Amino acid sequence: FFFLSSRITVMAPKKGAEKAPAKKEAPKADSKAKGKVVEKAKAAKKASTKGVQKTKTKKIRTSVHFHRPKTLRLPRDPKYPRKSVPSKIKLDHFATIKYPLTTESAMKKIEDNNTLVFITDIRATKQQIQDAVKRLYDIRADKVNTLIRPDGRKKAYVRLTS
């Protein structure tokens, strides 16, 4: 930048040039208004340097218990499903009924009481057993009695409608 500053020449003002006429001062009536403005500016300066002291009032507590204030609770807005594929139903009507029981006492129940005996899944409910019998054998069950055998299998007595 040195070579640029050496080429610039500053000219002195001309001797014959006159100064621009000075502005006339405002009349004395505005001096009171100007004094008020100055006072206000001084007060603002003092407040900004010292700070304005205010007395803080203490909040009156009407209860001895503190309750956390209620804040905004937004509804869930998931960006992706947490499970990619819906879970498969494990206990359908084929899995509910395992096999019919064909013991001598079961055959007696079929003849005398119009009741079929099945070994079913341990997790199956009476309603699920009733629906499975209806779908697999196309017969309507009147009621279902269940018991869990000592070997851990569930036995279902399905009473058929007469």
N, C-alpha and C. Protein backbone atom coordinates (compact mmCIF):
# COMPACT_ATOMS: atom_id res chain seq x y z
N PHE A 1 0.81 -1.21 0.00
CA PHE A 1 0.00 0.00 0.00
C PHE A 1 0.85 1.26 0.00
N PHE A 2 2.13 1.12 0.18
CA PHE A 2 2.99 2.29 0.25
C PHE A 2 3.02 3.04 -1.08
N PHE A 3 3.09 2.32 -2.20
CA PHE A 3 3.20 2.98 -3.50
C PHE A 3 1.92 3.73 -3.86
N LEU A 4 0.76 3.31 -3.30
CA LEU A 4 -0.48 4.03 -3.58
C LEU A 4 -0.53 5.34 -2.81
N SER A 5 -0.11 5.31 -1.56
CA SER A 5 -0.20 6.52 -0.73
C SER A 5 0.81 7.57 -1.18
N SER A 6 1.86 7.17 -1.85
CA SER A 6 2.84 8.16 -2.28
C SER A 6 2.34 8.96 -3.47
N ARG A 7 1.44 8.44 -4.26
CA ARG A 7 0.93 9.15 -5.43
C ARG A 7 -0.18 10.13 -5.09
N ILE A 8 -0.89 9.92 -3.98
CA ILE A 8 -2.01 10.80 -3.64
C ILE A 8 -1.45 12.09 -3.06
N THR A 9 -1.92 13.16 -3.63
CA THR A 9 -1.47 14.47 -3.13
C THR A 9 -2.65 15.18 -2.52
N VAL A 10 -2.44 15.79 -1.37
CA VAL A 10 -3.50 16.51 -0.68
C VAL A 10 -3.29 17.99 -0.93
N MET A 11 -4.33 18.65 -1.42
CA MET A 11 -4.22 20.08 -1.74
C MET A 11 -4.68 20.90 -0.56
N ALA A 12 -4.03 22.03 -0.35
CA ALA A 12 -4.41 22.95 0.72
C ALA A 12 -5.61 23.77 0.26
N PRO A 13 -6.45 24.25 1.20
CA PRO A 13 -7.59 25.06 0.79
C PRO A 13 -7.14 26.39 0.17
N LYS A 14 -7.96 26.87 -0.73
CA LYS A 14 -7.63 28.13 -1.41
C LYS A 14 -7.77 29.27 -0.45
N LYS A 15 -6.93 30.30 -0.64
CA LYS A 15 -6.92 31.43 0.28
C LYS A 15 -8.13 32.32 0.09
N GLY A 16 -8.62 32.41 -1.12
CA GLY A 16 -9.71 33.33 -1.39
C GLY A 16 -11.07 32.78 -1.05
N ALA A 17 -11.16 31.50 -0.73
CA ALA A 17 -12.48 30.88 -0.46
C ALA A 17 -13.00 31.33 0.89
N GLU A 18 -14.29 31.64 0.91
CA GLU A 18 -14.90 32.08 2.16
C GLU A 18 -15.61 30.90 2.81
N LYS A 19 -15.72 31.03 4.10
CA LYS A 19 -16.43 29.99 4.85
C LYS A 19 -17.93 30.16 4.63
N ALA A 20 -18.66 29.05 4.76
CA ALA A 20 -20.12 29.10 4.65
C ALA A 20 -20.66 29.87 5.83
N PRO A 21 -21.74 30.63 5.62
CA PRO A 21 -22.27 31.44 6.73
C PRO A 21 -22.73 30.53 7.87
N ALA A 22 -22.43 30.87 9.10
CA ALA A 22 -22.79 30.10 10.29
C ALA A 22 -24.29 30.21 10.54
N LYS A 23 -24.87 29.11 11.04
CA LYS A 23 -26.30 29.10 11.32
C LYS A 23 -26.57 29.95 12.54
N LYS A 24 -27.73 30.56 12.52
CA LYS A 24 -28.12 31.40 13.66
C LYS A 24 -28.57 30.49 14.79
N GLU A 25 -28.31 30.90 16.00
CA GLU A 25 -28.70 30.14 17.17
C GLU A 25 -30.21 30.21 17.37
N ALA A 26 -30.77 29.17 17.99
CA ALA A 26 -32.21 29.11 18.25
C ALA A 26 -32.57 30.16 19.29
N PRO A 27 -33.77 30.68 19.25
CA PRO A 27 -34.18 31.69 20.23
C PRO A 27 -34.14 31.14 21.66
N LYS A 28 -34.15 32.02 22.62
CA LYS A 28 -34.01 31.66 24.04
C LYS A 28 -35.21 30.87 24.58
N ALA A 29 -36.36 30.91 23.91
CA ALA A 29 -37.55 30.20 24.38
C ALA A 29 -37.34 28.69 24.37
N ASP A 30 -36.53 28.20 23.45
CA ASP A 30 -36.28 26.76 23.36
C ASP A 30 -35.25 26.28 24.38
N SER A 31 -34.63 27.16 25.08
CA SER A 31 -33.60 26.77 26.04
C SER A 31 -34.18 25.97 27.20
N LYS A 32 -35.44 26.28 27.62
CA LYS A 32 -36.07 25.51 28.70
C LYS A 32 -36.33 24.07 28.25
N ALA A 33 -36.82 23.93 27.02
CA ALA A 33 -37.10 22.58 26.49
C ALA A 33 -35.80 21.79 26.35
N LYS A 34 -34.75 22.51 25.91
CA LYS A 34 -33.45 21.86 25.76
C LYS A 34 -32.91 21.42 27.12
N GLY A 35 -33.14 22.23 28.15
CA GLY A 35 -32.71 21.90 29.51
C GLY A 35 -33.40 20.64 30.03
N LYS A 36 -34.69 20.48 29.70
CA LYS A 36 -35.43 19.30 30.14
C LYS A 36 -34.88 18.04 29.47
N VAL A 37 -34.54 18.18 28.19
CA VAL A 37 -34.00 17.04 27.44
C VAL A 37 -32.66 16.62 28.03
N VAL A 38 -31.86 17.62 28.39
CA VAL A 38 -30.55 17.34 28.98
C VAL A 38 -30.72 16.65 30.33
N GLU A 39 -31.68 17.14 31.14
CA GLU A 39 -31.95 16.52 32.45
C GLU A 39 -32.37 15.05 32.28
N LYS A 40 -33.23 14.83 31.30
CA LYS A 40 -33.71 13.47 31.04
C LYS A 40 -32.57 12.55 30.62
N ALA A 41 -31.68 13.07 29.79
CA ALA A 41 -30.54 12.29 29.33
C ALA A 41 -29.60 11.97 30.48
N LYS A 42 -29.41 12.93 31.39
CA LYS A 42 -28.55 12.70 32.56
C LYS A 42 -29.16 11.63 33.48
N ALA A 43 -30.48 11.69 33.64
CA ALA A 43 -31.16 10.70 34.48
C ALA A 43 -31.03 9.31 33.87
N ALA A 44 -31.14 9.20 32.54
CA ALA A 44 -31.01 7.92 31.86
C ALA A 44 -29.59 7.37 32.00
N LYS A 45 -28.59 8.29 31.93
CA LYS A 45 -27.19 7.88 32.08
C LYS A 45 -26.94 7.33 33.48
N LYS A 46 -27.50 8.03 34.47
CA LYS A 46 -27.33 7.62 35.85
C LYS A 46 -27.99 6.25 36.09
N ALA A 47 -29.20 6.05 35.51
CA ALA A 47 -29.91 4.78 35.69
C ALA A 47 -29.16 3.65 35.02
N SER A 48 -28.54 3.92 33.87
CA SER A 48 -27.83 2.84 33.16
C SER A 48 -26.52 2.48 33.85
N THR A 49 -25.85 3.44 34.46
CA THR A 49 -24.59 3.13 35.13
C THR A 49 -24.82 2.50 36.51
N LYS A 50 -25.75 3.07 37.30
CA LYS A 50 -26.00 2.56 38.65
C LYS A 50 -26.98 1.39 38.64
N GLY A 51 -27.98 1.46 37.78
CA GLY A 51 -29.04 0.48 37.79
C GLY A 51 -30.20 0.97 38.63
N VAL A 52 -31.38 0.57 38.23
CA VAL A 52 -32.58 1.02 38.94
C VAL A 52 -32.87 0.00 40.03
N GLN A 53 -32.96 0.46 41.27
CA GLN A 53 -33.23 -0.43 42.40
C GLN A 53 -34.73 -0.53 42.61
N LYS A 54 -35.25 -1.77 42.57
CA LYS A 54 -36.67 -1.98 42.81
C LYS A 54 -36.83 -2.91 44.00
N THR A 55 -37.90 -2.73 44.74
CA THR A 55 -38.20 -3.64 45.85
C THR A 55 -39.00 -4.80 45.29
N LYS A 56 -38.54 -6.02 45.56
CA LYS A 56 -39.20 -7.21 45.05
C LYS A 56 -40.15 -7.72 46.12
N THR A 57 -41.41 -7.98 45.70
CA THR A 57 -42.39 -8.50 46.66
C THR A 57 -42.31 -10.02 46.68
N LYS A 58 -42.46 -10.62 47.85
CA LYS A 58 -42.40 -12.06 48.01
C LYS A 58 -43.76 -12.67 47.70
N LYS A 59 -43.75 -13.78 46.97
CA LYS A 59 -45.00 -14.45 46.61
C LYS A 59 -45.61 -15.08 47.85
N ILE A 60 -46.89 -14.87 48.02
CA ILE A 60 -47.59 -15.42 49.18
C ILE A 60 -47.98 -16.86 48.87
N ARG A 61 -47.53 -17.79 49.70
CA ARG A 61 -47.85 -19.20 49.49
C ARG A 61 -49.08 -19.55 50.32
N THR A 62 -50.04 -20.18 49.66
CA THR A 62 -51.28 -20.53 50.34
C THR A 62 -51.31 -22.00 50.75
N SER A 63 -50.31 -22.79 50.29
CA SER A 63 -50.28 -24.21 50.61
C SER A 63 -48.86 -24.60 51.02
N VAL A 64 -48.75 -25.64 51.84
CA VAL A 64 -47.42 -26.08 52.26
C VAL A 64 -46.81 -27.05 51.26
N HIS A 65 -47.61 -27.54 50.30
CA HIS A 65 -47.13 -28.49 49.31
C HIS A 65 -46.70 -27.77 48.04
N PHE A 66 -45.64 -28.28 47.44
CA PHE A 66 -45.17 -27.71 46.18
C PHE A 66 -45.65 -28.59 45.03
N HIS A 67 -46.35 -28.00 44.09
CA HIS A 67 -46.80 -28.71 42.89
C HIS A 67 -46.01 -28.19 41.71
N ARG A 68 -45.41 -29.14 40.96
CA ARG A 68 -44.66 -28.75 39.78
C ARG A 68 -45.60 -28.11 38.77
N PRO A 69 -45.18 -27.00 38.16
CA PRO A 69 -46.08 -26.33 37.22
C PRO A 69 -46.34 -27.18 35.98
N LYS A 70 -47.56 -27.08 35.48
CA LYS A 70 -47.95 -27.83 34.28
C LYS A 70 -47.27 -27.21 33.07
N THR A 71 -46.56 -28.01 32.29
CA THR A 71 -45.88 -27.52 31.10
C THR A 71 -46.46 -28.18 29.87
N LEU A 72 -46.00 -27.79 28.72
CA LEU A 72 -46.52 -28.31 27.46
C LEU A 72 -46.12 -29.77 27.29
N ARG A 73 -47.10 -30.62 27.04
CA ARG A 73 -46.84 -32.04 26.81
C ARG A 73 -47.28 -32.36 25.39
N LEU A 74 -46.32 -32.57 24.52
CA LEU A 74 -46.64 -32.83 23.12
C LEU A 74 -46.99 -34.31 22.92
N PRO A 75 -47.91 -34.60 21.99
CA PRO A 75 -48.21 -36.01 21.70
C PRO A 75 -47.05 -36.68 21.00
N ARG A 76 -46.99 -38.01 21.08
CA ARG A 76 -45.90 -38.74 20.44
C ARG A 76 -46.00 -38.62 18.93
N ASP A 77 -44.87 -38.43 18.31
CA ASP A 77 -44.80 -38.30 16.85
C ASP A 77 -43.64 -39.15 16.36
N PRO A 78 -43.83 -40.50 16.29
CA PRO A 78 -42.70 -41.36 15.94
C PRO A 78 -42.28 -41.16 14.50
N LYS A 79 -40.98 -41.22 14.27
CA LYS A 79 -40.42 -41.03 12.94
C LYS A 79 -40.37 -42.36 12.17
N TYR A 80 -40.38 -43.48 12.86
CA TYR A 80 -40.37 -44.78 12.22
C TYR A 80 -41.08 -45.77 13.15
N PRO A 81 -41.66 -46.85 12.60
CA PRO A 81 -42.33 -47.83 13.47
C PRO A 81 -41.30 -48.62 14.27
N ARG A 82 -41.61 -48.85 15.53
CA ARG A 82 -40.67 -49.56 16.40
C ARG A 82 -40.59 -51.05 16.05
N LYS A 83 -41.68 -51.59 15.51
CA LYS A 83 -41.69 -52.98 15.05
C LYS A 83 -41.85 -52.94 13.54
N SER A 84 -40.91 -53.55 12.82
CA SER A 84 -40.96 -53.48 11.36
C SER A 84 -42.07 -54.34 10.78
N VAL A 85 -42.35 -55.48 11.41
CA VAL A 85 -43.39 -56.40 10.93
C VAL A 85 -44.30 -56.73 12.10
N PRO A 86 -45.63 -56.71 11.91
CA PRO A 86 -46.51 -57.09 13.01
C PRO A 86 -46.29 -58.55 13.40
N SER A 87 -46.40 -58.82 14.69
CA SER A 87 -46.09 -60.16 15.19
C SER A 87 -47.13 -61.17 14.70
N LYS A 88 -46.68 -62.38 14.42
CA LYS A 88 -47.54 -63.45 13.92
C LYS A 88 -48.36 -64.02 15.06
N ILE A 89 -49.61 -64.34 14.77
CA ILE A 89 -50.46 -64.94 15.79
C ILE A 89 -49.99 -66.38 16.01
N LYS A 90 -49.57 -66.66 17.24
CA LYS A 90 -48.97 -67.97 17.52
C LYS A 90 -50.02 -69.04 17.79
N LEU A 91 -51.17 -68.63 18.27
CA LEU A 91 -52.18 -69.61 18.69
C LEU A 91 -53.40 -69.51 17.79
N ASP A 92 -53.31 -70.07 16.56
CA ASP A 92 -54.48 -70.09 15.68
C ASP A 92 -55.29 -71.35 15.98
N HIS A 93 -56.38 -71.57 15.22
CA HIS A 93 -57.27 -72.69 15.56
C HIS A 93 -56.61 -74.05 15.31
N PHE A 94 -55.59 -74.10 14.45
CA PHE A 94 -54.87 -75.38 14.26
C PHE A 94 -53.96 -75.68 15.45
N ALA A 95 -53.39 -74.64 16.03
CA ALA A 95 -52.49 -74.85 17.18
C ALA A 95 -53.25 -75.00 18.49
N THR A 96 -54.50 -74.48 18.52
CA THR A 96 -55.28 -74.55 19.76
C THR A 96 -55.63 -76.01 20.10
N ILE A 97 -56.20 -76.72 19.13
CA ILE A 97 -56.57 -78.13 19.38
C ILE A 97 -55.45 -79.01 18.84
N LYS A 98 -54.86 -79.80 19.73
CA LYS A 98 -53.76 -80.68 19.30
C LYS A 98 -54.31 -81.97 18.68
N TYR A 99 -55.15 -82.69 19.46
CA TYR A 99 -55.74 -83.93 18.94
C TYR A 99 -56.91 -84.33 19.83
N PRO A 100 -57.85 -85.09 19.27
CA PRO A 100 -58.95 -85.59 20.11
C PRO A 100 -58.49 -86.79 20.94
N LEU A 101 -59.06 -86.89 22.09
CA LEU A 101 -58.68 -88.00 22.99
C LEU A 101 -59.60 -89.20 22.70
N THR A 102 -58.99 -90.39 22.53
CA THR A 102 -59.78 -91.58 22.13
C THR A 102 -59.69 -92.69 23.17
N THR A 103 -59.69 -92.30 24.42
CA THR A 103 -59.66 -93.33 25.47
C THR A 103 -61.07 -93.90 25.66
N GLU A 104 -61.18 -94.93 26.47
CA GLU A 104 -62.47 -95.58 26.72
C GLU A 104 -63.45 -94.64 27.41
N SER A 105 -62.92 -93.88 28.39
CA SER A 105 -63.78 -92.94 29.11
C SER A 105 -64.22 -91.78 28.20
N ALA A 106 -63.36 -91.38 27.26
CA ALA A 106 -63.71 -90.31 26.33
C ALA A 106 -64.82 -90.79 25.38
N MET A 107 -64.75 -92.06 24.94
CA MET A 107 -65.78 -92.60 24.08
C MET A 107 -67.13 -92.69 24.81
N LYS A 108 -67.07 -93.04 26.11
CA LYS A 108 -68.29 -93.09 26.92
C LYS A 108 -68.93 -91.72 27.01
N LYS A 109 -68.09 -90.66 27.13
CA LYS A 109 -68.60 -89.28 27.19
C LYS A 109 -69.30 -88.91 25.88
N ILE A 110 -68.73 -89.34 24.75
CA ILE A 110 -69.32 -89.02 23.46
C ILE A 110 -70.71 -89.67 23.35
N GLU A 111 -70.84 -90.92 23.78
CA GLU A 111 -72.11 -91.63 23.66
C GLU A 111 -73.15 -91.13 24.64
N ASP A 112 -72.75 -90.98 25.92
CA ASP A 112 -73.74 -90.66 26.96
C ASP A 112 -74.04 -89.16 27.06
N ASN A 113 -73.02 -88.32 27.05
CA ASN A 113 -73.21 -86.89 27.35
C ASN A 113 -73.13 -85.97 26.14
N ASN A 114 -72.94 -86.54 24.94
CA ASN A 114 -72.81 -85.72 23.72
C ASN A 114 -71.65 -84.73 23.88
N THR A 115 -70.51 -85.25 24.39
CA THR A 115 -69.35 -84.41 24.70
C THR A 115 -68.11 -84.97 24.02
N LEU A 116 -67.37 -84.09 23.33
CA LEU A 116 -66.10 -84.47 22.73
C LEU A 116 -64.97 -84.08 23.67
N VAL A 117 -63.88 -84.88 23.67
CA VAL A 117 -62.74 -84.61 24.56
C VAL A 117 -61.51 -84.36 23.68
N PHE A 118 -60.84 -83.24 23.93
CA PHE A 118 -59.66 -82.85 23.15
C PHE A 118 -58.49 -82.55 24.08
N ILE A 119 -57.28 -82.79 23.59
CA ILE A 119 -56.07 -82.26 24.24
C ILE A 119 -55.76 -80.96 23.50
N THR A 120 -55.62 -79.89 24.25
CA THR A 120 -55.43 -78.56 23.64
C THR A 120 -54.13 -77.92 24.13
N ASP A 121 -53.82 -76.79 23.54
CA ASP A 121 -52.65 -76.02 23.96
C ASP A 121 -52.89 -75.49 25.37
N ILE A 122 -51.84 -75.44 26.16
CA ILE A 122 -51.97 -75.03 27.58
C ILE A 122 -52.40 -73.57 27.71
N ARG A 123 -52.07 -72.75 26.69
CA ARG A 123 -52.39 -71.32 26.76
C ARG A 123 -53.78 -70.99 26.23
N ALA A 124 -54.47 -71.95 25.63
CA ALA A 124 -55.76 -71.69 25.00
C ALA A 124 -56.85 -71.45 26.05
N THR A 125 -57.70 -70.48 25.77
CA THR A 125 -58.84 -70.19 26.66
C THR A 125 -60.05 -70.99 26.19
N LYS A 126 -61.11 -70.99 27.01
CA LYS A 126 -62.32 -71.73 26.65
C LYS A 126 -62.96 -71.16 25.38
N GLN A 127 -62.94 -69.86 25.25
CA GLN A 127 -63.51 -69.22 24.06
C GLN A 127 -62.72 -69.59 22.80
N GLN A 128 -61.39 -69.62 22.92
CA GLN A 128 -60.56 -70.00 21.77
C GLN A 128 -60.79 -71.46 21.39
N ILE A 129 -60.98 -72.33 22.37
CA ILE A 129 -61.26 -73.75 22.10
C ILE A 129 -62.61 -73.88 21.39
N GLN A 130 -63.60 -73.13 21.85
CA GLN A 130 -64.93 -73.17 21.26
C GLN A 130 -64.90 -72.70 19.80
N ASP A 131 -64.16 -71.64 19.52
CA ASP A 131 -64.03 -71.13 18.15
C ASP A 131 -63.28 -72.12 17.26
N ALA A 132 -62.24 -72.76 17.81
CA ALA A 132 -61.45 -73.71 17.03
C ALA A 132 -62.28 -74.94 16.64
N VAL A 133 -63.11 -75.42 17.56
CA VAL A 133 -63.97 -76.57 17.27
C VAL A 133 -64.97 -76.20 16.18
N LYS A 134 -65.49 -75.00 16.25
CA LYS A 134 -66.46 -74.55 15.25
C LYS A 134 -65.82 -74.45 13.87
N ARG A 135 -64.60 -73.95 13.78
CA ARG A 135 -63.92 -73.77 12.49
C ARG A 135 -63.38 -75.08 11.92
N LEU A 136 -62.88 -75.96 12.78
CA LEU A 136 -62.28 -77.20 12.29
C LEU A 136 -63.32 -78.28 11.95
N TYR A 137 -64.37 -78.40 12.79
CA TYR A 137 -65.30 -79.52 12.65
C TYR A 137 -66.70 -79.08 12.22
N ASP A 138 -66.94 -77.78 12.05
CA ASP A 138 -68.24 -77.23 11.64
C ASP A 138 -69.37 -77.68 12.57
N ILE A 139 -69.10 -77.68 13.86
CA ILE A 139 -70.13 -77.99 14.85
C ILE A 139 -70.12 -76.90 15.90
N ARG A 140 -71.32 -76.65 16.47
CA ARG A 140 -71.43 -75.59 17.46
C ARG A 140 -71.37 -76.19 18.86
N ALA A 141 -70.48 -75.61 19.68
CA ALA A 141 -70.30 -76.11 21.05
C ALA A 141 -71.22 -75.35 21.99
N ASP A 142 -71.83 -76.09 22.92
CA ASP A 142 -72.71 -75.46 23.90
C ASP A 142 -71.88 -74.84 25.03
N LYS A 143 -70.95 -75.62 25.58
CA LYS A 143 -70.06 -75.10 26.61
C LYS A 143 -68.78 -75.91 26.63
N VAL A 144 -67.74 -75.34 27.25
CA VAL A 144 -66.42 -75.98 27.30
C VAL A 144 -65.96 -76.02 28.74
N ASN A 145 -65.57 -77.21 29.19
CA ASN A 145 -64.95 -77.38 30.50
C ASN A 145 -63.50 -77.79 30.27
N THR A 146 -62.58 -77.23 31.06
CA THR A 146 -61.16 -77.55 30.88
C THR A 146 -60.55 -77.98 32.20
N LEU A 147 -59.49 -78.77 32.07
CA LEU A 147 -58.68 -79.10 33.24
C LEU A 147 -57.25 -79.32 32.77
N ILE A 148 -56.32 -79.14 33.67
CA ILE A 148 -54.92 -79.40 33.34
C ILE A 148 -54.53 -80.71 34.02
N ARG A 149 -54.09 -81.64 33.20
CA ARG A 149 -53.74 -82.97 33.68
C ARG A 149 -52.43 -82.94 34.47
N PRO A 150 -52.17 -83.97 35.27
CA PRO A 150 -50.91 -84.01 36.03
C PRO A 150 -49.67 -84.01 35.15
N ASP A 151 -49.79 -84.49 33.90
CA ASP A 151 -48.61 -84.47 33.03
C ASP A 151 -48.40 -83.10 32.37
N GLY A 152 -49.26 -82.11 32.65
CA GLY A 152 -49.06 -80.73 32.17
C GLY A 152 -49.83 -80.38 30.91
N ARG A 153 -50.62 -81.33 30.38
CA ARG A 153 -51.42 -81.03 29.19
C ARG A 153 -52.81 -80.57 29.60
N LYS A 154 -53.42 -79.75 28.73
CA LYS A 154 -54.77 -79.26 29.01
C LYS A 154 -55.77 -80.14 28.27
N LYS A 155 -56.81 -80.61 29.02
CA LYS A 155 -57.87 -81.41 28.44
C LYS A 155 -59.13 -80.56 28.40
N ALA A 156 -59.84 -80.61 27.27
CA ALA A 156 -61.06 -79.83 27.11
C ALA A 156 -62.23 -80.75 26.84
N TYR A 157 -63.31 -80.60 27.61
CA TYR A 157 -64.56 -81.31 27.38
C TYR A 157 -65.49 -80.34 26.66
N VAL A 158 -65.81 -80.63 25.41
CA VAL A 158 -66.64 -79.74 24.60
C VAL A 158 -68.03 -80.35 24.48
N ARG A 159 -68.99 -79.72 25.14
CA ARG A 159 -70.40 -80.19 25.11
C ARG A 159 -71.04 -79.65 23.85
N LEU A 160 -71.60 -80.54 23.04
CA LEU A 160 -72.23 -80.14 21.79
C LEU A 160 -73.69 -79.81 22.01
N THR A 161 -74.23 -78.93 21.17
CA THR A 161 -75.66 -78.56 21.30
C THR A 161 -76.50 -79.74 20.84
N SER A 162 -77.60 -80.01 21.55
CA SER A 162 -78.43 -81.17 21.22
C SER A 162 -79.58 -80.80 20.30
